[in-house]
């Protein structure tokens, strides 16, 4: 199973249509929720996401996503429950 790239920072940039947190557009978010979406597509999308993010945004995404993969919760959500 491939973990969703959502890191709970859900705000869309009006210029690009990409989420500030995960870097996905609305179509990509919908695709992640479909049962028939393949792991190959999800892996490819994770690569696309990281190519479109840059600088501090990419660094922040990677840190939070890795935490979510390892612990089942994004850093944002972890900080909310403190």
C-alpha atoms as a PDB file:
ATOM      1  CA  UNK A   1       0.000   0.000   0.000  1.00  0.00           C
ATOM      2  CA  UNK A   2       1.248   3.470  -0.901  1.00  0.00           C
ATOM      3  CA  UNK A   3       0.534   6.117   1.746  1.00  0.00           C
ATOM      4  CA  UNK A   4      -1.370   9.202   0.579  1.00  0.00           C
ATOM      5  CA  UNK A   5       0.806  12.308   0.226  1.00  0.00           C
ATOM      6  CA  UNK A   6      -1.728  14.425   2.146  1.00  0.00           C
ATOM      7  CA  UNK A   7       0.085  16.035   5.077  1.00  0.00           C
ATOM      8  CA  UNK A   8      -3.023  17.823   6.416  1.00  0.00           C
ATOM      9  CA  UNK A   9      -2.115  21.275   5.124  1.00  0.00           C
ATOM     10  CA  UNK A  10      -4.989  21.607   2.697  1.00  0.00           C
ATOM     11  CA  UNK A  11      -4.949  24.958   0.956  1.00  0.00           C
ATOM     12  CA  UNK A  12      -4.889  25.363  -2.811  1.00  0.00           C
ATOM     13  CA  UNK A  13      -2.779  27.977  -4.545  1.00  0.00           C
ATOM     14  CA  UNK A  14      -5.177  29.935  -6.784  1.00  0.00           C
ATOM     15  CA  UNK A  15      -2.462  30.534  -9.414  1.00  0.00           C
ATOM     16  CA  UNK A  16      -1.254  26.961  -9.930  1.00  0.00           C
ATOM     17  CA  UNK A  17      -4.153  24.871  -8.611  1.00  0.00           C
ATOM     18  CA  UNK A  18      -1.714  22.863  -6.475  1.00  0.00           C
ATOM     19  CA  UNK A  19      -2.094  22.246  -2.747  1.00  0.00           C
ATOM     20  CA  UNK A  20       0.475  24.120  -0.648  1.00  0.00           C
ATOM     21  CA  UNK A  21       0.947  21.053   1.556  1.00  0.00           C
ATOM     22  CA  UNK A  22       1.096  18.049  -0.764  1.00  0.00           C
ATOM     23  CA  UNK A  23       1.555  19.672  -4.172  1.00  0.00           C
ATOM     24  CA  UNK A  24      -1.366  17.829  -5.789  1.00  0.00           C
ATOM     25  CA  UNK A  25      -4.165  19.280  -7.885  1.00  0.00           C
ATOM     26  CA  UNK A  26      -7.828  18.338  -7.345  1.00  0.00           C
ATOM     27  CA  UNK A  27      -7.786  15.636 -10.047  1.00  0.00           C
ATOM     28  CA  UNK A  28      -4.775  13.957  -8.449  1.00  0.00           C
ATOM     29  CA  UNK A  29      -6.459  14.063  -5.036  1.00  0.00           C
ATOM     30  CA  UNK A  30      -9.511  12.313  -6.518  1.00  0.00           C
ATOM     31  CA  UNK A  31      -7.337   9.669  -8.197  1.00  0.00           C
ATOM     32  CA  UNK A  32      -5.710   8.740  -4.873  1.00  0.00           C
ATOM     33  CA  UNK A  33      -9.125   7.881  -3.408  1.00  0.00           C
ATOM     34  CA  UNK A  34     -10.209   5.524  -6.210  1.00  0.00           C
ATOM     35  CA  UNK A  35      -9.813   1.808  -5.481  1.00  0.00           C
ATOM     36  CA  UNK A  36      -8.793   1.131  -9.077  1.00  0.00           C
ATOM     37  CA  UNK A  37      -5.854   3.566  -8.999  1.00  0.00           C
ATOM     38  CA  UNK A  38      -2.689   1.498  -9.323  1.00  0.00           C
ATOM     39  CA  UNK A  39       0.341   1.635  -7.056  1.00  0.00           C
ATOM     40  CA  UNK A  40       2.400   2.430 -10.154  1.00  0.00           C
ATOM     41  CA  UNK A  41       0.326   5.585 -10.756  1.00  0.00           C
ATOM     42  CA  UNK A  42       0.662   6.571  -7.091  1.00  0.00           C
ATOM     43  CA  UNK A  43       4.452   6.118  -7.159  1.00  0.00           C
ATOM     44  CA  UNK A  44       4.639   8.182 -10.338  1.00  0.00           C
ATOM     45  CA  UNK A  45       2.461  10.875  -8.791  1.00  0.00           C
ATOM     46  CA  UNK A  46       4.710  11.033  -5.715  1.00  0.00           C
ATOM     47  CA  UNK A  47       7.636  11.666  -8.077  1.00  0.00           C
ATOM     48  CA  UNK A  48       5.661  14.356  -9.929  1.00  0.00           C
ATOM     49  CA  UNK A  49       4.747  16.047  -6.644  1.00  0.00           C
ATOM     50  CA  UNK A  50       8.355  16.234  -5.504  1.00  0.00           C
ATOM     51  CA  UNK A  51       9.440  17.613  -8.868  1.00  0.00           C
ATOM     52  CA  UNK A  52       6.902  20.448  -8.698  1.00  0.00           C
ATOM     53  CA  UNK A  53       7.692  21.399  -5.094  1.00  0.00           C
ATOM     54  CA  UNK A  54      10.919  23.208  -4.299  1.00  0.00           C
ATOM     55  CA  UNK A  55      13.000  24.743  -1.544  1.00  0.00           C
ATOM     56  CA  UNK A  56      11.493  24.849   1.938  1.00  0.00           C
ATOM     57  CA  UNK A  57       8.194  23.486   0.632  1.00  0.00           C
ATOM     58  CA  UNK A  58       9.816  20.295  -0.677  1.00  0.00           C
ATOM     59  CA  UNK A  59      11.894  19.914   2.486  1.00  0.00           C
ATOM     60  CA  UNK A  60       8.804  20.331   4.676  1.00  0.00           C
ATOM     61  CA  UNK A  61       6.755  17.905   2.552  1.00  0.00           C
ATOM     62  CA  UNK A  62       9.436  15.212   2.668  1.00  0.00           C
ATOM     63  CA  UNK A  63       9.866  15.519   6.426  1.00  0.00           C
ATOM     64  CA  UNK A  64       6.127  15.360   7.151  1.00  0.00           C
ATOM     65  CA  UNK A  65       5.415  12.636   4.568  1.00  0.00           C
ATOM     66  CA  UNK A  66       8.234  10.435   5.874  1.00  0.00           C
ATOM     67  CA  UNK A  67       6.913  10.912   9.404  1.00  0.00           C
ATOM     68  CA  UNK A  68       3.435   9.903   8.204  1.00  0.00           C
ATOM     69  CA  UNK A  69       4.780   6.785   6.453  1.00  0.00           C
ATOM     70  CA  UNK A  70       6.742   5.737   9.543  1.00  0.00           C
ATOM     71  CA  UNK A  71       4.229   6.728  12.249  1.00  0.00           C
ATOM     72  CA  UNK A  72       0.832   6.848  10.561  1.00  0.00           C
ATOM     73  CA  UNK A  73       0.322  10.566  11.221  1.00  0.00           C
ATOM     74  CA  UNK A  74       1.614  13.762   9.632  1.00  0.00           C
ATOM     75  CA  UNK A  75       3.732  16.162  11.662  1.00  0.00           C
ATOM     76  CA  UNK A  76       0.939  18.745  11.475  1.00  0.00           C
ATOM     77  CA  UNK A  77      -1.578  16.388  13.054  1.00  0.00           C
ATOM     78  CA  UNK A  78       1.001  15.208  15.596  1.00  0.00           C
ATOM     79  CA  UNK A  79       1.518  18.806  16.706  1.00  0.00           C
ATOM     80  CA  UNK A  80      -2.253  19.347  16.997  1.00  0.00           C
ATOM     81  CA  UNK A  81      -2.654  16.569  19.544  1.00  0.00           C
ATOM     82  CA  UNK A  82       0.169  17.751  21.811  1.00  0.00           C
END
